[in-house]
Amino acid sequence: ILRVLGDNAIAVRTKAMKCLSEVVAVDPSILARLDMQRGVHGRLIDNSTSVREAAVELLGRFVLCRPQLAEQYYDMLIERIL
């Protein structure tokens, strides 16, 4: 999934984020991995609105359930808000 997040096709990147969301639904702790953080961060600043929306949805869904993730993603979320 992480490799596909860098694909040229917007639809593929969007679907990859949604797939990642399904994986995280089973194991939210996966978001604590550094490679996941980099992958999500890259999609938060993606050129495509749909990819950015999928990334924000992913974080919004799971950061609230696992407060320790909020600390790890805080800078990314603030950057996205601004």
PDB file of N, CA and C in Angstrom:
ATOM      1  N   ILE A   1       0.839  -1.194   0.000  1.00  0.00           N
ATOM      2  CA  ILE A   1       0.000   0.000   0.000  1.00  0.00           C
ATOM      3  C   ILE A   1       0.873   1.243   0.000  1.00  0.00           C
ATOM      4  N   LEU A   2       1.931   1.228   0.773  1.00  0.00           N
ATOM      5  CA  LEU A   2       2.804   2.410   0.842  1.00  0.00           C
ATOM      6  C   LEU A   2       3.435   2.727  -0.507  1.00  0.00           C
ATOM      7  N   ARG A   3       3.809   1.697  -1.250  1.00  0.00           N
ATOM      8  CA  ARG A   3       4.392   1.927  -2.579  1.00  0.00           C
ATOM      9  C   ARG A   3       3.379   2.563  -3.518  1.00  0.00           C
ATOM     10  N   VAL A   4       2.151   2.128  -3.438  1.00  0.00           N
ATOM     11  CA  VAL A   4       1.104   2.616  -4.330  1.00  0.00           C
ATOM     12  C   VAL A   4       0.708   4.058  -3.981  1.00  0.00           C
ATOM     13  N   LEU A   5       0.955   4.479  -2.756  1.00  0.00           N
ATOM     14  CA  LEU A   5       0.626   5.854  -2.373  1.00  0.00           C
ATOM     15  C   LEU A   5       1.381   6.881  -3.206  1.00  0.00           C
ATOM     16  N   GLY A   6       2.468   6.481  -3.813  1.00  0.00           N
ATOM     17  CA  GLY A   6       3.248   7.383  -4.648  1.00  0.00           C
ATOM     18  C   GLY A   6       2.946   7.261  -6.124  1.00  0.00           C
ATOM     19  N   ASP A   7       1.923   6.509  -6.482  1.00  0.00           N
ATOM     20  CA  ASP A   7       1.567   6.297  -7.886  1.00  0.00           C
ATOM     21  C   ASP A   7       1.175   7.614  -8.556  1.00  0.00           C
ATOM     22  N   ASN A   8       1.324   7.672  -9.868  1.00  0.00           N
ATOM     23  CA  ASN A   8       0.971   8.882 -10.613  1.00  0.00           C
ATOM     24  C   ASN A   8      -0.527   9.089 -10.733  1.00  0.00           C
ATOM     25  N   ALA A   9      -1.296   8.021 -10.743  1.00  0.00           N
ATOM     26  CA  ALA A   9      -2.747   8.124 -10.931  1.00  0.00           C
ATOM     27  C   ALA A   9      -3.444   8.522  -9.629  1.00  0.00           C
ATOM     28  N   ILE A  10      -4.223   9.572  -9.702  1.00  0.00           N
ATOM     29  CA  ILE A  10      -4.937  10.082  -8.531  1.00  0.00           C
ATOM     30  C   ILE A  10      -5.870   9.016  -7.958  1.00  0.00           C
ATOM     31  N   ALA A  11      -6.601   8.336  -8.829  1.00  0.00           N
ATOM     32  CA  ALA A  11      -7.550   7.319  -8.360  1.00  0.00           C
ATOM     33  C   ALA A  11      -6.844   6.209  -7.594  1.00  0.00           C
ATOM     34  N   VAL A  12      -5.658   5.846  -8.023  1.00  0.00           N
ATOM     35  CA  VAL A  12      -4.898   4.786  -7.351  1.00  0.00           C
ATOM     36  C   VAL A  12      -4.454   5.261  -5.972  1.00  0.00           C
ATOM     37  N   ARG A  13      -3.968   6.491  -5.881  1.00  0.00           N
ATOM     38  CA  ARG A  13      -3.543   7.035  -4.583  1.00  0.00           C
ATOM     39  C   ARG A  13      -4.728   7.142  -3.627  1.00  0.00           C
ATOM     40  N   THR A  14      -5.870   7.573  -4.142  1.00  0.00           N
ATOM     41  CA  THR A  14      -7.070   7.692  -3.310  1.00  0.00           C
ATOM     42  C   THR A  14      -7.498   6.326  -2.798  1.00  0.00           C
ATOM     43  N   LYS A  15      -7.535   5.345  -3.675  1.00  0.00           N
ATOM     44  CA  LYS A  15      -7.920   3.988  -3.262  1.00  0.00           C
ATOM     45  C   LYS A  15      -6.911   3.403  -2.280  1.00  0.00           C
ATOM     46  N   ALA A  16      -5.644   3.712  -2.468  1.00  0.00           N
ATOM     47  CA  ALA A  16      -4.620   3.226  -1.543  1.00  0.00           C
ATOM     48  C   ALA A  16      -4.852   3.797  -0.144  1.00  0.00           C
ATOM     49  N   MET A  17      -5.220   5.066  -0.060  1.00  0.00           N
ATOM     50  CA  MET A  17      -5.510   5.674   1.248  1.00  0.00           C
ATOM     51  C   MET A  17      -6.717   5.000   1.883  1.00  0.00           C
ATOM     52  N   LYS A  18      -7.716   4.698   1.077  1.00  0.00           N
ATOM     53  CA  LYS A  18      -8.907   4.034   1.611  1.00  0.00           C
ATOM     54  C   LYS A  18      -8.588   2.614   2.052  1.00  0.00           C
ATOM     55  N   CYS A  19      -7.733   1.933   1.319  1.00  0.00           N
ATOM     56  CA  CYS A  19      -7.283   0.589   1.723  1.00  0.00           C
ATOM     57  C   CYS A  19      -6.497   0.667   3.024  1.00  0.00           C
ATOM     58  N   LEU A  20      -5.640   1.651   3.121  1.00  0.00           N
ATOM     59  CA  LEU A  20      -4.866   1.841   4.345  1.00  0.00           C
ATOM     60  C   LEU A  20      -5.801   2.083   5.524  1.00  0.00           C
ATOM     61  N   SER A  21      -6.864   2.817   5.285  1.00  0.00           N
ATOM     62  CA  SER A  21      -7.853   3.072   6.327  1.00  0.00           C
ATOM     63  C   SER A  21      -8.481   1.767   6.819  1.00  0.00           C
ATOM     64  N   GLU A  22      -8.733   0.846   5.905  1.00  0.00           N
ATOM     65  CA  GLU A  22      -9.297  -0.450   6.285  1.00  0.00           C
ATOM     66  C   GLU A  22      -8.292  -1.270   7.092  1.00  0.00           C
ATOM     67  N   VAL A  23      -7.036  -1.200   6.729  1.00  0.00           N
ATOM     68  CA  VAL A  23      -5.994  -1.902   7.481  1.00  0.00           C
ATOM     69  C   VAL A  23      -5.891  -1.321   8.886  1.00  0.00           C
ATOM     70  N   VAL A  24      -5.926  -0.011   8.967  1.00  0.00           N
ATOM     71  CA  VAL A  24      -5.825   0.664  10.264  1.00  0.00           C
ATOM     72  C   VAL A  24      -7.041   0.360  11.130  1.00  0.00           C
ATOM     73  N   ALA A  25      -8.186   0.122  10.513  1.00  0.00           N
ATOM     74  CA  ALA A  25      -9.382  -0.239  11.283  1.00  0.00           C
ATOM     75  C   ALA A  25      -9.162  -1.539  12.053  1.00  0.00           C
ATOM     76  N   VAL A  26      -8.383  -2.432  11.482  1.00  0.00           N
ATOM     77  CA  VAL A  26      -8.081  -3.703  12.143  1.00  0.00           C
ATOM     78  C   VAL A  26      -6.989  -3.520  13.192  1.00  0.00           C
ATOM     79  N   ASP A  27      -5.993  -2.685  12.883  1.00  0.00           N
ATOM     80  CA  ASP A  27      -4.866  -2.479  13.798  1.00  0.00           C
ATOM     81  C   ASP A  27      -4.421  -1.015  13.774  1.00  0.00           C
ATOM     82  N   PRO A  28      -5.050  -0.162  14.591  1.00  0.00           N
ATOM     83  CA  PRO A  28      -4.707   1.264  14.593  1.00  0.00           C
ATOM     84  C   PRO A  28      -3.255   1.559  14.973  1.00  0.00           C
ATOM     85  N   SER A  29      -2.623   0.644  15.674  1.00  0.00           N
ATOM     86  CA  SER A  29      -1.238   0.888  16.092  1.00  0.00           C
ATOM     87  C   SER A  29      -0.285   0.977  14.905  1.00  0.00           C
ATOM     88  N   ILE A  30      -0.717   0.516  13.739  1.00  0.00           N
ATOM     89  CA  ILE A  30       0.122   0.576  12.542  1.00  0.00           C
ATOM     90  C   ILE A  30       0.451   2.023  12.171  1.00  0.00           C
ATOM     91  N   LEU A  31      -0.418   2.945  12.568  1.00  0.00           N
ATOM     92  CA  LEU A  31      -0.168   4.366  12.280  1.00  0.00           C
ATOM     93  C   LEU A  31       1.026   4.911  13.056  1.00  0.00           C
ATOM     94  N   ALA A  32       1.460   4.204  14.072  1.00  0.00           N
ATOM     95  CA  ALA A  32       2.615   4.651  14.852  1.00  0.00           C
ATOM     96  C   ALA A  32       3.935   4.391  14.125  1.00  0.00           C
ATOM     97  N   ARG A  33       3.915   3.542  13.107  1.00  0.00           N
ATOM     98  CA  ARG A  33       5.142   3.241  12.361  1.00  0.00           C
ATOM     99  C   ARG A  33       5.612   4.470  11.589  1.00  0.00           C
ATOM    100  N   LEU A  34       6.911   4.666  11.546  1.00  0.00           N
ATOM    101  CA  LEU A  34       7.496   5.821  10.874  1.00  0.00           C
ATOM    102  C   LEU A  34       7.197   5.825   9.376  1.00  0.00           C
ATOM    103  N   ASP A  35       7.247   4.663   8.728  1.00  0.00           N
ATOM    104  CA  ASP A  35       6.955   4.621   7.302  1.00  0.00           C
ATOM    105  C   ASP A  35       5.497   4.989   7.025  1.00  0.00           C
ATOM    106  N   MET A  36       4.604   4.627   7.916  1.00  0.00           N
ATOM    107  CA  MET A  36       3.192   5.013   7.768  1.00  0.00           C
ATOM    108  C   MET A  36       3.035   6.519   7.938  1.00  0.00           C
ATOM    109  N   GLN A  37       3.731   7.071   8.915  1.00  0.00           N
ATOM    110  CA  GLN A  37       3.656   8.516   9.143  1.00  0.00           C
ATOM    111  C   GLN A  37       4.125   9.280   7.915  1.00  0.00           C
ATOM    112  N   ARG A  38       5.226   8.826   7.326  1.00  0.00           N
ATOM    113  CA  ARG A  38       5.723   9.486   6.112  1.00  0.00           C
ATOM    114  C   ARG A  38       4.734   9.353   4.959  1.00  0.00           C
ATOM    115  N   GLY A  39       4.139   8.154   4.813  1.00  0.00           N
ATOM    116  CA  GLY A  39       3.168   7.928   3.752  1.00  0.00           C
ATOM    117  C   GLY A  39       1.938   8.794   3.898  1.00  0.00           C
ATOM    118  N   VAL A  40       1.420   8.876   5.103  1.00  0.00           N
ATOM    119  CA  VAL A  40       0.232   9.705   5.356  1.00  0.00           C
ATOM    120  C   VAL A  40       0.577  11.180   5.168  1.00  0.00           C
ATOM    121  N   HIS A  41       1.740  11.591   5.658  1.00  0.00           N
ATOM    122  CA  HIS A  41       2.126  12.992   5.500  1.00  0.00           C
ATOM    123  C   HIS A  41       2.215  13.374   4.027  1.00  0.00           C
ATOM    124  N   GLY A  42       2.790  12.505   3.230  1.00  0.00           N
ATOM    125  CA  GLY A  42       2.884  12.778   1.798  1.00  0.00           C
ATOM    126  C   GLY A  42       1.526  12.937   1.145  1.00  0.00           C
ATOM    127  N   ARG A  43       0.538  12.207   1.624  1.00  0.00           N
ATOM    128  CA  ARG A  43      -0.809  12.319   1.055  1.00  0.00           C
ATOM    129  C   ARG A  43      -1.561  13.513   1.627  1.00  0.00           C
ATOM    130  N   LEU A  44      -1.190  13.979   2.803  1.00  0.00           N
ATOM    131  CA  LEU A  44      -1.817  15.188   3.346  1.00  0.00           C
ATOM    132  C   LEU A  44      -1.450  16.424   2.532  1.00  0.00           C
ATOM    133  N   ILE A  45      -0.320  16.363   1.836  1.00  0.00           N
ATOM    134  CA  ILE A  45       0.103  17.495   1.017  1.00  0.00           C
ATOM    135  C   ILE A  45       0.031  17.161  -0.466  1.00  0.00           C
ATOM    136  N   ASP A  46      -0.743  16.145  -0.803  1.00  0.00           N
ATOM    137  CA  ASP A  46      -0.916  15.705  -2.188  1.00  0.00           C
ATOM    138  C   ASP A  46      -1.580  16.801  -3.018  1.00  0.00           C
ATOM    139  N   ASN A  47      -1.309  16.808  -4.313  1.00  0.00           N
ATOM    140  CA  ASN A  47      -1.928  17.781  -5.217  1.00  0.00           C
ATOM    141  C   ASN A  47      -3.431  17.555  -5.380  1.00  0.00           C
ATOM    142  N   SER A  48      -3.866  16.330  -5.197  1.00  0.00           N
ATOM    143  CA  SER A  48      -5.267  15.978  -5.409  1.00  0.00           C
ATOM    144  C   SER A  48      -6.107  16.168  -4.149  1.00  0.00           C
ATOM    145  N   THR A  49      -7.222  16.837  -4.315  1.00  0.00           N
ATOM    146  CA  THR A  49      -8.146  17.047  -3.199  1.00  0.00           C
ATOM    147  C   THR A  49      -8.666  15.727  -2.655  1.00  0.00           C
ATOM    148  N   SER A  50      -9.008  14.799  -3.532  1.00  0.00           N
ATOM    149  CA  SER A  50      -9.574  13.525  -3.069  1.00  0.00           C
ATOM    150  C   SER A  50      -8.571  12.716  -2.253  1.00  0.00           C
ATOM    151  N   VAL A  51      -7.310  12.798  -2.616  1.00  0.00           N
ATOM    152  CA  VAL A  51      -6.273  12.081  -1.860  1.00  0.00           C
ATOM    153  C   VAL A  51      -6.093  12.742  -0.497  1.00  0.00           C
ATOM    154  N   ARG A  52      -6.054  14.062  -0.471  1.00  0.00           N
ATOM    155  CA  ARG A  52      -5.927  14.777   0.812  1.00  0.00           C
ATOM    156  C   ARG A  52      -7.123  14.486   1.713  1.00  0.00           C
ATOM    157  N   GLU A  53      -8.316  14.473   1.132  1.00  0.00           N
ATOM    158  CA  GLU A  53      -9.519  14.170   1.913  1.00  0.00           C
ATOM    159  C   GLU A  53      -9.450  12.770   2.514  1.00  0.00           C
ATOM    160  N   ALA A  54      -8.989  11.812   1.743  1.00  0.00           N
ATOM    161  CA  ALA A  54      -8.870  10.437   2.248  1.00  0.00           C
ATOM    162  C   ALA A  54      -7.860  10.364   3.391  1.00  0.00           C
ATOM    163  N   ALA A  55      -6.777  11.123   3.293  1.00  0.00           N
ATOM    164  CA  ALA A  55      -5.765  11.140   4.359  1.00  0.00           C
ATOM    165  C   ALA A  55      -6.322  11.781   5.632  1.00  0.00           C
ATOM    166  N   VAL A  56      -7.029  12.885   5.470  1.00  0.00           N
ATOM    167  CA  VAL A  56      -7.623  13.565   6.630  1.00  0.00           C
ATOM    168  C   VAL A  56      -8.684  12.668   7.274  1.00  0.00           C
ATOM    169  N   GLU A  57      -9.476  12.005   6.448  1.00  0.00           N
ATOM    170  CA  GLU A  57     -10.497  11.094   6.967  1.00  0.00           C
ATOM    171  C   GLU A  57      -9.852   9.966   7.769  1.00  0.00           C
ATOM    172  N   LEU A  58      -8.776   9.414   7.229  1.00  0.00           N
ATOM    173  CA  LEU A  58      -8.056   8.356   7.933  1.00  0.00           C
ATOM    174  C   LEU A  58      -7.603   8.830   9.308  1.00  0.00           C
ATOM    175  N   LEU A  59      -6.956   9.963   9.363  1.00  0.00           N
ATOM    176  CA  LEU A  59      -6.460  10.461  10.645  1.00  0.00           C
ATOM    177  C   LEU A  59      -7.602  10.838  11.577  1.00  0.00           C
ATOM    178  N   GLY A  60      -8.608  11.488  11.041  1.00  0.00           N
ATOM    179  CA  GLY A  60      -9.742  11.888  11.868  1.00  0.00           C
ATOM    180  C   GLY A  60     -10.438  10.700  12.507  1.00  0.00           C
ATOM    181  N   ARG A  61     -10.493   9.624  11.782  1.00  0.00           N
ATOM    182  CA  ARG A  61     -11.157   8.424  12.270  1.00  0.00           C
ATOM    183  C   ARG A  61     -10.395   7.747  13.411  1.00  0.00           C
ATOM    184  N   PHE A  62      -9.084   7.762  13.345  1.00  0.00           N
ATOM    185  CA  PHE A  62      -8.314   6.948  14.278  1.00  0.00           C
ATOM    186  C   PHE A  62      -7.532   7.731  15.325  1.00  0.00           C
ATOM    187  N   VAL A  63      -7.209   8.959  15.045  1.00  0.00           N
ATOM    188  CA  VAL A  63      -6.450   9.735  16.037  1.00  0.00           C
ATOM    189  C   VAL A  63      -7.315  10.003  17.262  1.00  0.00           C
ATOM    190  N   LEU A  64      -8.608  10.198  17.061  1.00  0.00           N
ATOM    191  CA  LEU A  64      -9.493  10.426  18.198  1.00  0.00           C
ATOM    192  C   LEU A  64      -9.627   9.179  19.080  1.00  0.00           C
ATOM    193  N   CYS A  65      -9.558   8.016  18.473  1.00  0.00           N
ATOM    194  CA  CYS A  65      -9.670   6.762  19.227  1.00  0.00           C
ATOM    195  C   CYS A  65      -8.385   6.427  19.974  1.00  0.00           C
ATOM    196  N   ARG A  66      -7.277   6.881  19.442  1.00  0.00           N
ATOM    197  CA  ARG A  66      -5.967   6.591  20.037  1.00  0.00           C
ATOM    198  C   ARG A  66      -5.222   7.905  20.240  1.00  0.00           C
ATOM    199  N   PRO A  67      -5.439   8.542  21.393  1.00  0.00           N
ATOM    200  CA  PRO A  67      -4.844   9.864  21.646  1.00  0.00           C
ATOM    201  C   PRO A  67      -3.327   9.932  21.479  1.00  0.00           C
ATOM    202  N   GLN A  68      -2.624   8.829  21.721  1.00  0.00           N
ATOM    203  CA  GLN A  68      -1.170   8.860  21.554  1.00  0.00           C
ATOM    204  C   GLN A  68      -0.786   9.124  20.106  1.00  0.00           C
ATOM    205  N   LEU A  69      -1.662   8.775  19.162  1.00  0.00           N
ATOM    206  CA  LEU A  69      -1.399   9.061  17.750  1.00  0.00           C
ATOM    207  C   LEU A  69      -1.517  10.550  17.457  1.00  0.00           C
ATOM    208  N   ALA A  70      -2.360  11.237  18.202  1.00  0.00           N
ATOM    209  CA  ALA A  70      -2.527  12.683  17.995  1.00  0.00           C
ATOM    210  C   ALA A  70      -1.192  13.397  18.179  1.00  0.00           C
ATOM    211  N   GLU A  71      -0.431  12.968  19.157  1.00  0.00           N
ATOM    212  CA  GLU A  71       0.873  13.580  19.402  1.00  0.00           C
ATOM    213  C   GLU A  71       1.824  13.349  18.230  1.00  0.00           C
ATOM    214  N   GLN A  72       1.790  12.145  17.667  1.00  0.00           N
ATOM    215  CA  GLN A  72       2.683  11.823  16.557  1.00  0.00           C
ATOM    216  C   GLN A  72       2.292  12.551  15.266  1.00  0.00           C
ATOM    217  N   TYR A  73       1.006  12.807  15.092  1.00  0.00           N
ATOM    218  CA  TYR A  73       0.523  13.426  13.858  1.00  0.00           C
ATOM    219  C   TYR A  73       0.187  14.904  14.034  1.00  0.00           C
ATOM    220  N   TYR A  74       0.448  15.441  15.205  1.00  0.00           N
ATOM    221  CA  TYR A  74       0.085  16.821  15.520  1.00  0.00           C
ATOM    222  C   TYR A  74       0.643  17.820  14.504  1.00  0.00           C
ATOM    223  N   ASP A  75       1.943  17.752  14.251  1.00  0.00           N
ATOM    224  CA  ASP A  75       2.557  18.707  13.319  1.00  0.00           C
ATOM    225  C   ASP A  75       1.946  18.613  11.927  1.00  0.00           C
ATOM    226  N   MET A  76       1.676  17.402  11.476  1.00  0.00           N
ATOM    227  CA  MET A  76       1.073  17.210  10.150  1.00  0.00           C
ATOM    228  C   MET A  76      -0.336  17.793  10.104  1.00  0.00           C
ATOM    229  N   LEU A  77      -1.090  17.572  11.166  1.00  0.00           N
ATOM    230  CA  LEU A  77      -2.461  18.074  11.218  1.00  0.00           C
ATOM    231  C   LEU A  77      -2.499  19.595  11.261  1.00  0.00           C
ATOM    232  N   ILE A  78      -1.617  20.180  12.041  1.00  0.00           N
ATOM    233  CA  ILE A  78      -1.547  21.642  12.122  1.00  0.00           C
ATOM    234  C   ILE A  78      -1.162  22.220  10.778  1.00  0.00           C
ATOM    235  N   GLU A  79      -0.179  21.610  10.128  1.00  0.00           N
ATOM    236  CA  GLU A  79       0.240  22.064   8.793  1.00  0.00           C
ATOM    237  C   GLU A  79      -0.939  22.011   7.809  1.00  0.00           C
ATOM    238  N   ARG A  80      -1.722  20.951   7.885  1.00  0.00           N
ATOM    239  CA  ARG A  80      -2.867  20.792   6.984  1.00  0.00           C
ATOM    240  C   ARG A  80      -3.945  21.828   7.297  1.00  0.00           C
ATOM    241  N   ILE A  81      -4.168  22.112   8.576  1.00  0.00           N
ATOM    242  CA  ILE A  81      -5.190  23.077   8.978  1.00  0.00           C
ATOM    243  C   ILE A  81      -4.813  24.479   8.485  1.00  0.00           C
ATOM    244  N   LEU A  82      -3.539  24.808   8.638  1.00  0.00           N
ATOM    245  CA  LEU A  82      -3.097  26.140   8.224  1.00  0.00           C
ATOM    246  C   LEU A  82      -3.100  26.250   6.712  1.00  0.00           C
TER     247      LEU A  82
END
